[in-house]
Amino acid sequence: MAKKVKILFTGRNDAKFKMGKKMDEVIRPLVEKYGKENVTLVHGGNQKNSPVDINVIKYGELSGLNTVSDPLDRSQKNAANIRTQQRIEDDSLIHYSFNTEGDLNLKDKYEGYWRDYY
């Protein structure tokens, strides 16, 4: 059975840059490696305010890839930290983040730990 991969894109809610080509450069090699049916796009569930989430949904519609929402569960106390921990524990998740300039970087899953440690 082929490995299933989830790709998460995050970034600032005030992003004003084009991101489709950068997402495509990341997604295409993974689709070629694992197959279209084994690649899932994940967005943060904030499609009203986040241009990154809107672009992930549009990319999923245009490419035919599965798209899944990962919104904050606001009923829980400390919801953001709980969601971050779940993302860290998910071995099939590859997390990319857009910075202020629009560059796409692979996010270090353990950066929060090291920031708190030092």
N, C-alpha and C. Protein backbone atom coordinates (compact mmCIF):
# COMPACT_ATOMS: atom_id res chain seq x y z
N MET A 1 0.84 -1.19 0.00
CA MET A 1 0.00 0.00 0.00
C MET A 1 0.89 1.25 0.00
N ALA A 2 0.54 2.20 -0.81
CA ALA A 2 1.33 3.43 -0.94
C ALA A 2 1.13 4.33 0.27
N LYS A 3 2.15 5.09 0.55
CA LYS A 3 2.11 6.03 1.68
C LYS A 3 1.18 7.19 1.35
N LYS A 4 0.42 7.60 2.33
CA LYS A 4 -0.46 8.76 2.17
C LYS A 4 0.24 9.98 2.75
N VAL A 5 0.12 11.09 2.04
CA VAL A 5 0.81 12.32 2.42
C VAL A 5 -0.20 13.45 2.51
N LYS A 6 -0.08 14.26 3.57
CA LYS A 6 -0.89 15.47 3.72
C LYS A 6 0.04 16.66 3.61
N ILE A 7 -0.38 17.67 2.86
CA ILE A 7 0.43 18.88 2.70
C ILE A 7 -0.36 20.05 3.26
N LEU A 8 0.22 20.70 4.24
CA LEU A 8 -0.41 21.84 4.90
C LEU A 8 0.33 23.11 4.52
N PHE A 9 -0.43 24.11 4.08
CA PHE A 9 0.14 25.43 3.79
C PHE A 9 -0.43 26.42 4.79
N THR A 10 0.44 27.19 5.41
CA THR A 10 0.00 28.24 6.32
C THR A 10 0.69 29.54 5.93
N GLY A 11 0.22 30.62 6.50
CA GLY A 11 0.83 31.92 6.22
C GLY A 11 0.01 33.02 6.86
N ARG A 12 0.41 34.22 6.60
CA ARG A 12 -0.24 35.38 7.20
C ARG A 12 -1.61 35.63 6.57
N ASN A 13 -2.53 36.14 7.38
CA ASN A 13 -3.87 36.45 6.88
C ASN A 13 -3.89 37.70 6.02
N ASP A 14 -2.83 38.50 6.06
CA ASP A 14 -2.80 39.71 5.25
C ASP A 14 -1.90 39.54 4.02
N ALA A 15 -1.72 38.29 3.58
CA ALA A 15 -0.85 38.00 2.43
C ALA A 15 -1.43 38.64 1.17
N LYS A 16 -0.54 39.27 0.39
CA LYS A 16 -0.96 39.92 -0.84
C LYS A 16 -0.03 39.50 -1.98
N PHE A 17 0.29 38.24 -2.07
CA PHE A 17 1.17 37.75 -3.11
C PHE A 17 0.55 36.51 -3.74
N LYS A 18 1.02 36.18 -4.93
CA LYS A 18 0.51 35.00 -5.63
C LYS A 18 1.24 33.77 -5.10
N MET A 19 0.50 32.70 -4.86
CA MET A 19 1.12 31.55 -4.25
C MET A 19 0.89 30.25 -5.00
N GLY A 20 0.10 30.26 -6.05
CA GLY A 20 -0.23 29.03 -6.77
C GLY A 20 0.97 28.35 -7.38
N LYS A 21 1.86 29.09 -8.00
CA LYS A 21 3.04 28.50 -8.63
C LYS A 21 3.96 27.88 -7.58
N LYS A 22 4.12 28.55 -6.45
CA LYS A 22 4.99 28.04 -5.39
C LYS A 22 4.40 26.76 -4.79
N MET A 23 3.08 26.73 -4.62
CA MET A 23 2.44 25.52 -4.12
C MET A 23 2.61 24.39 -5.13
N ASP A 24 2.47 24.72 -6.40
CA ASP A 24 2.58 23.73 -7.46
C ASP A 24 3.97 23.08 -7.48
N GLU A 25 5.02 23.88 -7.23
CA GLU A 25 6.38 23.35 -7.22
C GLU A 25 6.58 22.33 -6.09
N VAL A 26 5.82 22.45 -5.03
CA VAL A 26 5.91 21.52 -3.91
C VAL A 26 5.03 20.30 -4.15
N ILE A 27 3.83 20.52 -4.67
CA ILE A 27 2.84 19.45 -4.78
C ILE A 27 3.14 18.48 -5.92
N ARG A 28 3.53 18.99 -7.08
CA ARG A 28 3.75 18.13 -8.25
C ARG A 28 4.71 16.96 -8.00
N PRO A 29 5.90 17.21 -7.41
CA PRO A 29 6.79 16.06 -7.16
C PRO A 29 6.19 15.02 -6.21
N LEU A 30 5.40 15.48 -5.24
CA LEU A 30 4.77 14.54 -4.31
C LEU A 30 3.69 13.72 -4.99
N VAL A 31 2.94 14.35 -5.90
CA VAL A 31 1.91 13.62 -6.65
C VAL A 31 2.58 12.59 -7.56
N GLU A 32 3.69 12.96 -8.19
CA GLU A 32 4.40 12.01 -9.04
C GLU A 32 4.96 10.85 -8.22
N LYS A 33 5.42 11.14 -7.01
CA LYS A 33 6.03 10.11 -6.17
C LYS A 33 5.00 9.17 -5.54
N TYR A 34 3.92 9.75 -4.98
CA TYR A 34 2.95 8.95 -4.21
C TYR A 34 1.65 8.67 -4.95
N GLY A 35 1.37 9.40 -6.00
CA GLY A 35 0.11 9.22 -6.73
C GLY A 35 -0.93 10.22 -6.26
N LYS A 36 -1.77 10.64 -7.19
CA LYS A 36 -2.76 11.68 -6.91
C LYS A 36 -3.73 11.28 -5.79
N GLU A 37 -4.10 10.02 -5.74
CA GLU A 37 -5.06 9.57 -4.73
C GLU A 37 -4.48 9.51 -3.33
N ASN A 38 -3.15 9.58 -3.20
CA ASN A 38 -2.50 9.49 -1.89
C ASN A 38 -2.03 10.84 -1.35
N VAL A 39 -2.30 11.91 -2.08
CA VAL A 39 -1.89 13.25 -1.64
C VAL A 39 -3.14 14.04 -1.26
N THR A 40 -3.12 14.62 -0.08
CA THR A 40 -4.24 15.41 0.42
C THR A 40 -3.74 16.80 0.80
N LEU A 41 -4.48 17.81 0.38
CA LEU A 41 -4.16 19.19 0.77
C LEU A 41 -4.92 19.53 2.05
N VAL A 42 -4.27 20.23 2.95
CA VAL A 42 -4.89 20.62 4.22
C VAL A 42 -4.87 22.14 4.31
N HIS A 43 -6.01 22.72 4.68
CA HIS A 43 -6.05 24.16 4.92
C HIS A 43 -6.55 24.41 6.33
N GLY A 44 -6.30 25.60 6.83
CA GLY A 44 -6.55 25.93 8.23
C GLY A 44 -8.00 26.17 8.61
N GLY A 45 -8.91 26.09 7.68
CA GLY A 45 -10.32 26.25 8.00
C GLY A 45 -10.75 27.69 8.19
N ASN A 46 -9.98 28.64 7.71
CA ASN A 46 -10.30 30.05 7.86
C ASN A 46 -10.45 30.69 6.48
N GLN A 47 -11.29 30.08 5.65
CA GLN A 47 -11.41 30.55 4.28
C GLN A 47 -12.10 31.90 4.13
N LYS A 48 -12.66 32.44 5.19
CA LYS A 48 -13.26 33.78 5.12
C LYS A 48 -12.19 34.86 5.20
N ASN A 49 -11.12 34.64 5.95
CA ASN A 49 -10.12 35.67 6.20
C ASN A 49 -8.74 35.37 5.63
N SER A 50 -8.44 34.13 5.34
CA SER A 50 -7.08 33.76 4.97
C SER A 50 -6.94 33.52 3.47
N PRO A 51 -6.13 34.34 2.79
CA PRO A 51 -5.89 34.10 1.37
C PRO A 51 -5.16 32.79 1.12
N VAL A 52 -4.36 32.33 2.08
CA VAL A 52 -3.66 31.06 1.92
C VAL A 52 -4.67 29.92 1.86
N ASP A 53 -5.63 29.93 2.78
CA ASP A 53 -6.66 28.89 2.79
C ASP A 53 -7.50 28.94 1.51
N ILE A 54 -7.84 30.13 1.06
CA ILE A 54 -8.61 30.28 -0.18
C ILE A 54 -7.85 29.69 -1.35
N ASN A 55 -6.55 29.97 -1.42
CA ASN A 55 -5.73 29.44 -2.52
C ASN A 55 -5.56 27.92 -2.44
N VAL A 56 -5.47 27.37 -1.26
CA VAL A 56 -5.37 25.92 -1.11
C VAL A 56 -6.64 25.26 -1.62
N ILE A 57 -7.79 25.82 -1.26
CA ILE A 57 -9.07 25.27 -1.71
C ILE A 57 -9.18 25.36 -3.24
N LYS A 58 -8.81 26.52 -3.80
CA LYS A 58 -8.87 26.68 -5.27
C LYS A 58 -7.92 25.71 -5.95
N TYR A 59 -6.72 25.55 -5.41
CA TYR A 59 -5.76 24.62 -6.01
C TYR A 59 -6.31 23.20 -5.98
N GLY A 60 -6.93 22.83 -4.88
CA GLY A 60 -7.52 21.50 -4.77
C GLY A 60 -8.63 21.28 -5.78
N GLU A 61 -9.47 22.30 -5.98
CA GLU A 61 -10.55 22.19 -6.96
C GLU A 61 -10.01 22.06 -8.37
N LEU A 62 -9.01 22.86 -8.71
CA LEU A 62 -8.46 22.84 -10.07
C LEU A 62 -7.66 21.58 -10.36
N SER A 63 -6.96 21.07 -9.37
CA SER A 63 -6.10 19.90 -9.59
C SER A 63 -6.83 18.58 -9.36
N GLY A 64 -7.95 18.62 -8.66
CA GLY A 64 -8.68 17.40 -8.36
C GLY A 64 -8.13 16.64 -7.16
N LEU A 65 -7.25 17.28 -6.38
CA LEU A 65 -6.72 16.65 -5.18
C LEU A 65 -7.71 16.75 -4.03
N ASN A 66 -7.66 15.78 -3.13
CA ASN A 66 -8.49 15.83 -1.93
C ASN A 66 -8.08 17.03 -1.10
N THR A 67 -9.06 17.74 -0.55
CA THR A 67 -8.79 18.89 0.30
C THR A 67 -9.52 18.71 1.61
N VAL A 68 -8.80 18.92 2.71
CA VAL A 68 -9.34 18.71 4.05
C VAL A 68 -9.15 19.99 4.86
N SER A 69 -10.12 20.29 5.72
CA SER A 69 -10.04 21.45 6.59
C SER A 69 -9.54 21.04 7.97
N ASP A 70 -8.68 21.88 8.56
CA ASP A 70 -8.15 21.63 9.91
C ASP A 70 -8.37 22.88 10.76
N PRO A 71 -9.64 23.20 11.08
CA PRO A 71 -9.91 24.43 11.82
C PRO A 71 -9.59 24.30 13.31
N LEU A 72 -9.50 25.43 13.96
CA LEU A 72 -9.33 25.46 15.41
C LEU A 72 -10.62 25.00 16.08
N ASP A 73 -10.51 24.18 17.09
CA ASP A 73 -11.67 23.78 17.88
C ASP A 73 -11.78 24.76 19.04
N ARG A 74 -12.52 25.82 18.84
CA ARG A 74 -12.58 26.90 19.82
C ARG A 74 -13.31 26.53 21.10
N SER A 75 -13.89 25.35 21.16
CA SER A 75 -14.54 24.91 22.39
C SER A 75 -13.51 24.44 23.42
N GLN A 76 -12.29 24.16 22.98
CA GLN A 76 -11.25 23.71 23.88
C GLN A 76 -10.40 24.89 24.35
N LYS A 77 -9.96 24.79 25.59
CA LYS A 77 -9.03 25.78 26.10
C LYS A 77 -7.66 25.48 25.47
N ASN A 78 -6.95 26.53 25.07
CA ASN A 78 -5.63 26.36 24.46
C ASN A 78 -5.71 25.66 23.11
N ALA A 79 -6.71 25.98 22.32
CA ALA A 79 -7.00 25.29 21.06
C ALA A 79 -5.84 25.35 20.07
N ALA A 80 -5.16 26.49 19.97
CA ALA A 80 -4.06 26.63 19.01
C ALA A 80 -2.91 25.69 19.36
N ASN A 81 -2.58 25.58 20.63
CA ASN A 81 -1.50 24.68 21.03
C ASN A 81 -1.87 23.22 20.83
N ILE A 82 -3.12 22.88 21.05
CA ILE A 82 -3.57 21.51 20.84
C ILE A 82 -3.47 21.15 19.36
N ARG A 83 -3.91 22.06 18.49
CA ARG A 83 -3.83 21.81 17.04
C ARG A 83 -2.38 21.71 16.60
N THR A 84 -1.51 22.56 17.12
CA THR A 84 -0.09 22.50 16.78
C THR A 84 0.51 21.16 17.19
N GLN A 85 0.17 20.69 18.37
CA GLN A 85 0.69 19.41 18.84
C GLN A 85 0.20 18.26 17.96
N GLN A 86 -1.06 18.31 17.54
CA GLN A 86 -1.59 17.27 16.65
C GLN A 86 -0.85 17.27 15.32
N ARG A 87 -0.51 18.46 14.83
CA ARG A 87 0.24 18.56 13.57
C ARG A 87 1.65 18.00 13.73
N ILE A 88 2.26 18.22 14.88
CA ILE A 88 3.61 17.70 15.14
C ILE A 88 3.58 16.17 15.18
N GLU A 89 2.57 15.61 15.79
CA GLU A 89 2.48 14.16 15.96
C GLU A 89 2.09 13.42 14.69
N ASP A 90 1.54 14.11 13.71
CA ASP A 90 1.11 13.47 12.47
C ASP A 90 2.32 13.28 11.55
N ASP A 91 2.76 12.03 11.41
CA ASP A 91 3.94 11.73 10.60
C ASP A 91 3.71 11.91 9.11
N SER A 92 2.48 11.85 8.67
CA SER A 92 2.20 11.97 7.24
C SER A 92 2.03 13.43 6.80
N LEU A 93 2.11 14.37 7.73
CA LEU A 93 1.90 15.79 7.43
C LEU A 93 3.21 16.49 7.09
N ILE A 94 3.20 17.19 5.96
CA ILE A 94 4.32 18.04 5.57
C ILE A 94 3.82 19.46 5.65
N HIS A 95 4.46 20.29 6.46
CA HIS A 95 3.96 21.62 6.76
C HIS A 95 4.85 22.67 6.10
N TYR A 96 4.24 23.47 5.23
CA TYR A 96 4.93 24.58 4.58
C TYR A 96 4.30 25.88 5.05
N SER A 97 5.12 26.93 5.09
CA SER A 97 4.61 28.22 5.54
C SER A 97 5.13 29.33 4.63
N PHE A 98 4.23 30.25 4.28
CA PHE A 98 4.61 31.43 3.51
C PHE A 98 5.04 32.51 4.49
N ASN A 99 6.18 33.16 4.22
CA ASN A 99 6.59 34.26 5.08
C ASN A 99 6.02 35.57 4.53
N THR A 100 6.39 36.68 5.12
CA THR A 100 5.84 37.99 4.76
C THR A 100 6.13 38.35 3.30
N GLU A 101 7.29 37.96 2.80
CA GLU A 101 7.67 38.30 1.43
C GLU A 101 7.04 37.37 0.40
N GLY A 102 6.41 36.30 0.83
CA GLY A 102 5.79 35.36 -0.09
C GLY A 102 6.64 34.16 -0.42
N ASP A 103 7.76 34.00 0.28
CA ASP A 103 8.61 32.83 0.08
C ASP A 103 8.02 31.65 0.84
N LEU A 104 8.14 30.48 0.24
CA LEU A 104 7.60 29.26 0.84
C LEU A 104 8.74 28.48 1.48
N ASN A 105 8.56 28.11 2.75
CA ASN A 105 9.58 27.39 3.49
C ASN A 105 8.97 26.17 4.17
N LEU A 106 9.77 25.11 4.24
CA LEU A 106 9.36 23.94 5.01
C LEU A 106 9.42 24.31 6.48
N LYS A 107 8.33 24.09 7.19
CA LYS A 107 8.27 24.50 8.59
C LYS A 107 8.86 23.41 9.48
N ASP A 108 9.68 23.82 10.41
CA ASP A 108 10.27 22.90 11.37
C ASP A 108 9.22 22.55 12.41
N LYS A 109 8.89 21.28 12.52
CA LYS A 109 7.85 20.85 13.45
C LYS A 109 8.19 21.16 14.90
N TYR A 110 9.47 21.23 15.21
CA TYR A 110 9.88 21.36 16.61
C TYR A 110 10.40 22.75 16.95
N GLU A 111 10.14 23.74 16.11
CA GLU A 111 10.66 25.07 16.37
C GLU A 111 10.09 25.67 17.65
N GLY A 112 8.85 25.37 17.98
CA GLY A 112 8.26 25.87 19.22
C GLY A 112 8.96 25.34 20.44
N TYR A 113 9.33 24.07 20.39
CA TYR A 113 10.06 23.46 21.51
C TYR A 113 11.39 24.16 21.70
N TRP A 114 12.13 24.35 20.62
CA TRP A 114 13.46 24.96 20.73
C TRP A 114 13.35 26.43 21.13
N ARG A 115 12.31 27.11 20.69
CA ARG A 115 12.13 28.52 21.07
C ARG A 115 11.89 28.59 22.57
N ASP A 116 11.10 27.70 23.13
CA ASP A 116 10.83 27.69 24.56
C ASP A 116 12.05 27.23 25.38
N TYR A 117 12.83 26.34 24.77
CA TYR A 117 13.98 25.76 25.47
C TYR A 117 15.09 26.78 25.66
N TYR A 118 15.31 27.60 24.63
CA TYR A 118 16.42 28.58 24.71
C TYR A 118 15.92 29.91 25.04
